[in-house]
Amino acid sequence: MCPKNDPSLEAAYALNTPEDSKRLYAEWAETYDHDFAAASHYILHLQVARHFAKSGGAGPILDVGAGTGLLAEALTPLIKAEIDGTDISAEMLKRARAKGVYRHLFTGDLTRALPLANGTYRGVVSSGTFTNGHVGPEAFDELLRVTDSRGLIAVSINTKHYDNAGFAEKLDSIQAQIYDLTLQEVRIYDDGATGAHKDDTAFVALFRKG
């Protein structure tokens, strides 16, 4: 079960099921940007946006696990492109919609098929979704399905989750479907961060669909 109705990073890392995620993020949506992102000096969305843009990312783009829209906000000054977003939490998407940075937003569960045609997007991005208590490497199949040939995928993967959840093995198993794979280790929080997770890192996994 989801640990209490207590929106926090520790509660998020302890999630077990999609229903747990829906309950937690429904509670957290209204305060997420201020009480978590700003207060904890969270910068992972900026890291993903920078690497995607630097690697030649183009639209239309799908933001997976869009949350309150932090990643799309970071992308907008860097790339002129249409951005769609999906998240398991309708409440988080309501906050994202108010920012006016998305063309289209829809609820979606990455443990199942997304309501999208094959090859819909030239770019797929994600920040903070492939992490403890959230989504594992099996979702890469769905990311590849909705990405067009030669499209660029840029997703953050918490480094501990990468080791524990089998991401290396998954990337090895899809080698015939991708090219130009790189893993860039980046900080999740900036120098102002404090607390147990202040030095946590993530990989920004970048690759193109073959």
C-alpha atoms as a PDB file:
ATOM      1  CA  MET A   1       0.000   0.000   0.000  1.00  0.00           C
ATOM      2  CA  CYS A   2       0.986   3.606  -0.472  1.00  0.00           C
ATOM      3  CA  PRO A   3       2.507   4.973   2.764  1.00  0.00           C
ATOM      4  CA  LYS A   4      -0.101   7.331   4.258  1.00  0.00           C
ATOM      5  CA  ASN A   5      -1.492  10.400   2.504  1.00  0.00           C
ATOM      6  CA  ASP A   6       1.809  12.203   2.948  1.00  0.00           C
ATOM      7  CA  PRO A   7       3.116  13.726  -0.286  1.00  0.00           C
ATOM      8  CA  SER A   8       6.905  13.583  -0.094  1.00  0.00           C
ATOM      9  CA  LEU A   9       9.901  12.173  -1.926  1.00  0.00           C
ATOM     10  CA  GLU A  10      10.121   9.245   0.478  1.00  0.00           C
ATOM     11  CA  ALA A  11       6.442   8.445  -0.079  1.00  0.00           C
ATOM     12  CA  ALA A  12       6.965   8.636  -3.849  1.00  0.00           C
ATOM     13  CA  TYR A  13       9.954   6.286  -3.676  1.00  0.00           C
ATOM     14  CA  ALA A  14       7.844   3.772  -1.719  1.00  0.00           C
ATOM     15  CA  LEU A  15       5.041   3.483  -4.286  1.00  0.00           C
ATOM     16  CA  ASN A  16       4.158  -0.014  -5.450  1.00  0.00           C
ATOM     17  CA  THR A  17       1.280   0.194  -7.933  1.00  0.00           C
ATOM     18  CA  PRO A  18      -0.243   2.609 -10.452  1.00  0.00           C
ATOM     19  CA  GLU A  19      -3.168   3.121  -8.046  1.00  0.00           C
ATOM     20  CA  ASP A  20      -0.707   4.141  -5.323  1.00  0.00           C
ATOM     21  CA  SER A  21       0.730   6.709  -7.728  1.00  0.00           C
ATOM     22  CA  LYS A  22      -2.683   8.135  -8.549  1.00  0.00           C
ATOM     23  CA  ARG A  23      -3.515   8.593  -4.864  1.00  0.00           C
ATOM     24  CA  LEU A  24      -0.212  10.199  -3.909  1.00  0.00           C
ATOM     25  CA  TYR A  25      -0.006  12.614  -6.837  1.00  0.00           C
ATOM     26  CA  ALA A  26      -3.637  13.634  -6.459  1.00  0.00           C
ATOM     27  CA  GLU A  27      -2.670  14.850  -2.982  1.00  0.00           C
ATOM     28  CA  TRP A  28       0.621  16.390  -4.120  1.00  0.00           C
ATOM     29  CA  ALA A  29      -0.394  18.145  -7.339  1.00  0.00           C
ATOM     30  CA  GLU A  30      -1.340  21.535  -5.922  1.00  0.00           C
ATOM     31  CA  THR A  31       1.886  22.008  -3.933  1.00  0.00           C
ATOM     32  CA  TYR A  32       4.372  19.947  -5.974  1.00  0.00           C
ATOM     33  CA  ASP A  33       6.164  22.799  -7.754  1.00  0.00           C
ATOM     34  CA  HIS A  34       6.709  24.843  -4.612  1.00  0.00           C
ATOM     35  CA  ASP A  35       6.977  22.266  -1.829  1.00  0.00           C
ATOM     36  CA  PHE A  36       9.089  19.774  -3.752  1.00  0.00           C
ATOM     37  CA  ALA A  37      10.694  21.149  -6.915  1.00  0.00           C
ATOM     38  CA  ALA A  38      11.619  24.621  -5.710  1.00  0.00           C
ATOM     39  CA  ALA A  39      12.186  23.757  -2.048  1.00  0.00           C
ATOM     40  CA  SER A  40      14.466  20.803  -2.813  1.00  0.00           C
ATOM     41  CA  HIS A  41      16.426  22.600  -5.586  1.00  0.00           C
ATOM     42  CA  TYR A  42      15.310  19.982  -8.113  1.00  0.00           C
ATOM     43  CA  ILE A  43      16.988  20.401 -11.511  1.00  0.00           C
ATOM     44  CA  LEU A  44      16.574  17.057 -13.275  1.00  0.00           C
ATOM     45  CA  HIS A  45      14.006  18.432 -15.717  1.00  0.00           C
ATOM     46  CA  LEU A  46      16.538  21.111 -16.730  1.00  0.00           C
ATOM     47  CA  GLN A  47      19.188  18.445 -17.300  1.00  0.00           C
ATOM     48  CA  VAL A  48      16.926  16.378 -19.576  1.00  0.00           C
ATOM     49  CA  ALA A  49      15.812  19.442 -21.541  1.00  0.00           C
ATOM     50  CA  ARG A  50      19.395  20.597 -22.082  1.00  0.00           C
ATOM     51  CA  HIS A  51      20.620  17.198 -23.279  1.00  0.00           C
ATOM     52  CA  PHE A  52      17.621  16.686 -25.567  1.00  0.00           C
ATOM     53  CA  ALA A  53      18.086  20.075 -27.196  1.00  0.00           C
ATOM     54  CA  LYS A  54      21.874  19.707 -27.460  1.00  0.00           C
ATOM     55  CA  SER A  55      21.456  16.317 -29.168  1.00  0.00           C
ATOM     56  CA  GLY A  56      19.235  17.735 -31.892  1.00  0.00           C
ATOM     57  CA  GLY A  57      15.837  16.853 -30.496  1.00  0.00           C
ATOM     58  CA  ALA A  58      12.853  17.957 -32.561  1.00  0.00           C
ATOM     59  CA  GLY A  59       9.085  17.899 -32.395  1.00  0.00           C
ATOM     60  CA  PRO A  60       6.436  16.909 -32.137  1.00  0.00           C
ATOM     61  CA  ILE A  61       7.507  15.790 -28.663  1.00  0.00           C
ATOM     62  CA  LEU A  62       5.805  13.558 -26.104  1.00  0.00           C
ATOM     63  CA  ASP A  63       6.577  14.337 -22.457  1.00  0.00           C
ATOM     64  CA  VAL A  64       6.101  11.070 -20.568  1.00  0.00           C
ATOM     65  CA  GLY A  65       5.266  11.390 -16.888  1.00  0.00           C
ATOM     66  CA  ALA A  66       4.689  15.071 -17.532  1.00  0.00           C
ATOM     67  CA  GLY A  67       3.494  15.831 -14.015  1.00  0.00           C
ATOM     68  CA  THR A  68       2.966  19.558 -13.518  1.00  0.00           C
ATOM     69  CA  GLY A  69       4.823  20.425 -16.729  1.00  0.00           C
ATOM     70  CA  LEU A  70       8.290  21.248 -15.414  1.00  0.00           C
ATOM     71  CA  LEU A  71      10.097  19.566 -18.304  1.00  0.00           C
ATOM     72  CA  ALA A  72       7.979  21.213 -20.998  1.00  0.00           C
ATOM     73  CA  GLU A  73       8.583  24.574 -19.334  1.00  0.00           C
ATOM     74  CA  ALA A  74      12.325  23.898 -19.519  1.00  0.00           C
ATOM     75  CA  LEU A  75      12.133  22.783 -23.159  1.00  0.00           C
ATOM     76  CA  THR A  76      10.089  25.705 -24.439  1.00  0.00           C
ATOM     77  CA  PRO A  77      12.954  28.265 -24.465  1.00  0.00           C
ATOM     78  CA  LEU A  78      15.306  25.736 -26.096  1.00  0.00           C
ATOM     79  CA  ILE A  79      13.256  24.182 -28.895  1.00  0.00           C
ATOM     80  CA  LYS A  80      10.444  25.485 -31.046  1.00  0.00           C
ATOM     81  CA  ALA A  81       8.197  22.439 -31.178  1.00  0.00           C
ATOM     82  CA  GLU A  82       4.742  21.176 -30.323  1.00  0.00           C
ATOM     83  CA  ILE A  83       4.758  19.273 -27.030  1.00  0.00           C
ATOM     84  CA  ASP A  84       2.143  16.793 -25.836  1.00  0.00           C
ATOM     85  CA  GLY A  85       2.155  15.324 -22.353  1.00  0.00           C
ATOM     86  CA  THR A  86       0.885  12.260 -20.549  1.00  0.00           C
ATOM     87  CA  ASP A  87       0.779  11.327 -16.886  1.00  0.00           C
ATOM     88  CA  ILE A  88      -1.028   8.838 -14.692  1.00  0.00           C
ATOM     89  CA  SER A  89      -2.358  11.680 -12.521  1.00  0.00           C
ATOM     90  CA  ALA A  90      -5.198  13.831 -13.857  1.00  0.00           C
ATOM     91  CA  GLU A  91      -4.605  16.249 -11.000  1.00  0.00           C
ATOM     92  CA  MET A  92      -0.971  16.804 -11.976  1.00  0.00           C
ATOM     93  CA  LEU A  93      -2.006  17.344 -15.594  1.00  0.00           C
ATOM     94  CA  LYS A  94      -4.518  19.966 -14.482  1.00  0.00           C
ATOM     95  CA  ARG A  95      -1.585  21.956 -13.065  1.00  0.00           C
ATOM     96  CA  ALA A  96       0.406  21.390 -16.271  1.00  0.00           C
ATOM     97  CA  ARG A  97      -2.470  22.558 -18.451  1.00  0.00           C
ATOM     98  CA  ALA A  98      -2.625  25.893 -16.631  1.00  0.00           C
ATOM     99  CA  LYS A  99       0.952  26.666 -17.737  1.00  0.00           C
ATOM    100  CA  GLY A 100      -0.001  26.801 -21.417  1.00  0.00           C
ATOM    101  CA  VAL A 101       3.082  24.969 -22.702  1.00  0.00           C
ATOM    102  CA  TYR A 102       1.399  21.854 -24.107  1.00  0.00           C
ATOM    103  CA  ARG A 103      -0.543  21.260 -27.301  1.00  0.00           C
ATOM    104  CA  HIS A 104      -2.404  18.297 -25.813  1.00  0.00           C
ATOM    105  CA  LEU A 105      -2.472  16.481 -22.460  1.00  0.00           C
ATOM    106  CA  PHE A 106      -3.938  13.072 -21.640  1.00  0.00           C
ATOM    107  CA  THR A 107      -3.836  10.551 -18.815  1.00  0.00           C
ATOM    108  CA  GLY A 108      -1.807   7.449 -19.525  1.00  0.00           C
ATOM    109  CA  ASP A 109      -0.273   4.490 -17.693  1.00  0.00           C
ATOM    110  CA  LEU A 110       3.152   3.449 -18.979  1.00  0.00           C
ATOM    111  CA  THR A 111       2.637  -0.066 -17.661  1.00  0.00           C
ATOM    112  CA  ARG A 112      -0.024  -0.368 -20.391  1.00  0.00           C
ATOM    113  CA  ALA A 113      -0.374   0.773 -24.004  1.00  0.00           C
ATOM    114  CA  LEU A 114      -0.773   4.508 -24.537  1.00  0.00           C
ATOM    115  CA  PRO A 115      -3.717   5.670 -26.699  1.00  0.00           C
ATOM    116  CA  LEU A 116      -1.393   6.619 -29.564  1.00  0.00           C
ATOM    117  CA  ALA A 117      -0.607   5.374 -33.047  1.00  0.00           C
ATOM    118  CA  ASN A 118       2.797   3.906 -33.840  1.00  0.00           C
ATOM    119  CA  GLY A 119       5.480   6.466 -34.696  1.00  0.00           C
ATOM    120  CA  THR A 120       3.479   9.506 -33.603  1.00  0.00           C
ATOM    121  CA  TYR A 121       6.405  11.543 -32.236  1.00  0.00           C
ATOM    122  CA  ARG A 122       9.851  12.622 -33.395  1.00  0.00           C
ATOM    123  CA  GLY A 123      10.936  13.131 -29.801  1.00  0.00           C
ATOM    124  CA  VAL A 124      10.092  11.516 -26.465  1.00  0.00           C
ATOM    125  CA  VAL A 125      11.310  12.961 -23.166  1.00  0.00           C
ATOM    126  CA  SER A 126      10.851  12.123 -19.508  1.00  0.00           C
ATOM    127  CA  SER A 127      12.140  13.460 -16.202  1.00  0.00           C
ATOM    128  CA  GLY A 128      11.621  11.778 -12.837  1.00  0.00           C
ATOM    129  CA  THR A 129       9.441   8.931 -14.106  1.00  0.00           C
ATOM    130  CA  PHE A 130      12.019   6.153 -14.287  1.00  0.00           C
ATOM    131  CA  THR A 131      12.876   6.162 -10.600  1.00  0.00           C
ATOM    132  CA  ASN A 132      12.335   4.270  -7.357  1.00  0.00           C
ATOM    133  CA  GLY A 133       8.711   3.280  -6.843  1.00  0.00           C
ATOM    134  CA  HIS A 134       7.698   4.340 -10.343  1.00  0.00           C
ATOM    135  CA  VAL A 135       8.302   2.934 -13.846  1.00  0.00           C
ATOM    136  CA  GLY A 136      10.775   0.241 -14.851  1.00  0.00           C
ATOM    137  CA  PRO A 137      12.622  -0.563 -18.091  1.00  0.00           C
ATOM    138  CA  GLU A 138       9.742  -2.556 -19.566  1.00  0.00           C
ATOM    139  CA  ALA A 139       8.146   0.768 -20.563  1.00  0.00           C
ATOM    140  CA  PHE A 140      10.902   1.350 -23.121  1.00  0.00           C
ATOM    141  CA  ASP A 141       8.991  -0.868 -25.561  1.00  0.00           C
ATOM    142  CA  GLU A 142       6.068   1.561 -25.482  1.00  0.00           C
ATOM    143  CA  LEU A 143       8.363   4.588 -25.855  1.00  0.00           C
ATOM    144  CA  LEU A 144       9.878   3.023 -28.957  1.00  0.00           C
ATOM    145  CA  ARG A 145       6.469   2.154 -30.383  1.00  0.00           C
ATOM    146  CA  VAL A 146       5.225   5.760 -30.293  1.00  0.00           C
ATOM    147  CA  THR A 147       8.512   7.202 -31.614  1.00  0.00           C
ATOM    148  CA  ASP A 148       9.073   7.687 -35.330  1.00  0.00           C
ATOM    149  CA  SER A 149      12.084   6.209 -37.105  1.00  0.00           C
ATOM    150  CA  ARG A 150      15.240   8.185 -36.229  1.00  0.00           C
ATOM    151  CA  GLY A 151      13.338   9.984 -33.470  1.00  0.00           C
ATOM    152  CA  LEU A 152      15.252  10.958 -30.333  1.00  0.00           C
ATOM    153  CA  ILE A 153      14.379   9.627 -26.878  1.00  0.00           C
ATOM    154  CA  ALA A 154      15.792  11.359 -23.778  1.00  0.00           C
ATOM    155  CA  VAL A 155      14.779   9.998 -20.373  1.00  0.00           C
ATOM    156  CA  SER A 156      16.211  10.340 -16.890  1.00  0.00           C
ATOM    157  CA  ILE A 157      16.827   7.164 -14.905  1.00  0.00           C
ATOM    158  CA  ASN A 158      17.709   7.346 -11.211  1.00  0.00           C
ATOM    159  CA  THR A 159      21.122   5.677 -10.978  1.00  0.00           C
ATOM    160  CA  LYS A 160      20.116   3.395  -8.084  1.00  0.00           C
ATOM    161  CA  HIS A 161      16.950   2.409  -9.936  1.00  0.00           C
ATOM    162  CA  TYR A 162      19.053   1.801 -13.064  1.00  0.00           C
ATOM    163  CA  ASP A 163      21.168  -0.746 -11.195  1.00  0.00           C
ATOM    164  CA  ASN A 164      18.328  -2.380  -9.270  1.00  0.00           C
ATOM    165  CA  ALA A 165      15.631  -2.608 -11.944  1.00  0.00           C
ATOM    166  CA  GLY A 166      17.536  -4.084 -14.888  1.00  0.00           C
ATOM    167  CA  PHE A 167      17.856  -1.088 -17.221  1.00  0.00           C
ATOM    168  CA  ALA A 168      21.266  -2.187 -18.529  1.00  0.00           C
ATOM    169  CA  GLU A 169      19.853  -5.538 -19.537  1.00  0.00           C
ATOM    170  CA  LYS A 170      16.852  -3.902 -21.195  1.00  0.00           C
ATOM    171  CA  LEU A 171      18.984  -1.500 -23.204  1.00  0.00           C
ATOM    172  CA  ASP A 172      21.132  -4.424 -24.291  1.00  0.00           C
ATOM    173  CA  SER A 173      18.050  -6.363 -25.411  1.00  0.00           C
ATOM    174  CA  ILE A 174      16.826  -3.516 -27.666  1.00  0.00           C
ATOM    175  CA  GLN A 175      20.177  -2.730 -29.294  1.00  0.00           C
ATOM    176  CA  ALA A 176      18.902  -3.829 -32.695  1.00  0.00           C
ATOM    177  CA  GLN A 177      16.093  -1.236 -32.467  1.00  0.00           C
ATOM    178  CA  ILE A 178      18.140   1.801 -31.379  1.00  0.00           C
ATOM    179  CA  TYR A 179      21.371   3.642 -32.148  1.00  0.00           C
ATOM    180  CA  ASP A 180      23.534   6.462 -30.785  1.00  0.00           C
ATOM    181  CA  LEU A 181      22.951   5.378 -27.183  1.00  0.00           C
ATOM    182  CA  THR A 182      24.642   7.502 -24.512  1.00  0.00           C
ATOM    183  CA  LEU A 183      24.261   7.627 -20.732  1.00  0.00           C
ATOM    184  CA  GLN A 184      25.110  10.959 -19.130  1.00  0.00           C
ATOM    185  CA  GLU A 185      25.253  10.979 -15.321  1.00  0.00           C
ATOM    186  CA  VAL A 186      23.828  14.218 -13.922  1.00  0.00           C
ATOM    187  CA  ARG A 187      22.837  15.675 -10.579  1.00  0.00           C
ATOM    188  CA  ILE A 188      19.172  15.625  -9.591  1.00  0.00           C
ATOM    189  CA  TYR A 189      19.486  18.607  -7.221  1.00  0.00           C
ATOM    190  CA  ASP A 190      21.685  21.689  -7.334  1.00  0.00           C
ATOM    191  CA  ASP A 191      24.250  22.979  -4.836  1.00  0.00           C
ATOM    192  CA  GLY A 192      21.587  24.472  -2.591  1.00  0.00           C
ATOM    193  CA  ALA A 193      20.029  21.097  -1.798  1.00  0.00           C
ATOM    194  CA  THR A 194      20.131  19.586   1.680  1.00  0.00           C
ATOM    195  CA  GLY A 195      18.984  16.322   3.196  1.00  0.00           C
ATOM    196  CA  ALA A 196      19.480  12.644   2.500  1.00  0.00           C
ATOM    197  CA  HIS A 197      19.036  12.847  -1.276  1.00  0.00           C
ATOM    198  CA  LYS A 198      21.012  16.031  -2.006  1.00  0.00           C
ATOM    199  CA  ASP A 199      23.792  14.138  -3.799  1.00  0.00           C
ATOM    200  CA  ASP A 200      21.547  11.748  -5.742  1.00  0.00           C
ATOM    201  CA  THR A 201      22.249  11.365  -9.440  1.00  0.00           C
ATOM    202  CA  ALA A 202      20.472  10.104 -12.528  1.00  0.00           C
ATOM    203  CA  PHE A 203      21.447   8.996 -15.990  1.00  0.00           C
ATOM    204  CA  VAL A 204      20.052  10.889 -18.922  1.00  0.00           C
ATOM    205  CA  ALA A 205      19.664   8.057 -21.421  1.00  0.00           C
ATOM    206  CA  LEU A 206      19.707   9.358 -25.008  1.00  0.00           C
ATOM    207  CA  PHE A 207      19.113   7.163 -28.038  1.00  0.00           C
ATOM    208  CA  ARG A 208      17.473   7.202 -31.448  1.00  0.00           C
ATOM    209  CA  LYS A 209      15.011   4.703 -32.794  1.00  0.00           C
ATOM    210  CA  GLY A 210      16.402   2.693 -35.653  1.00  0.00           C
END
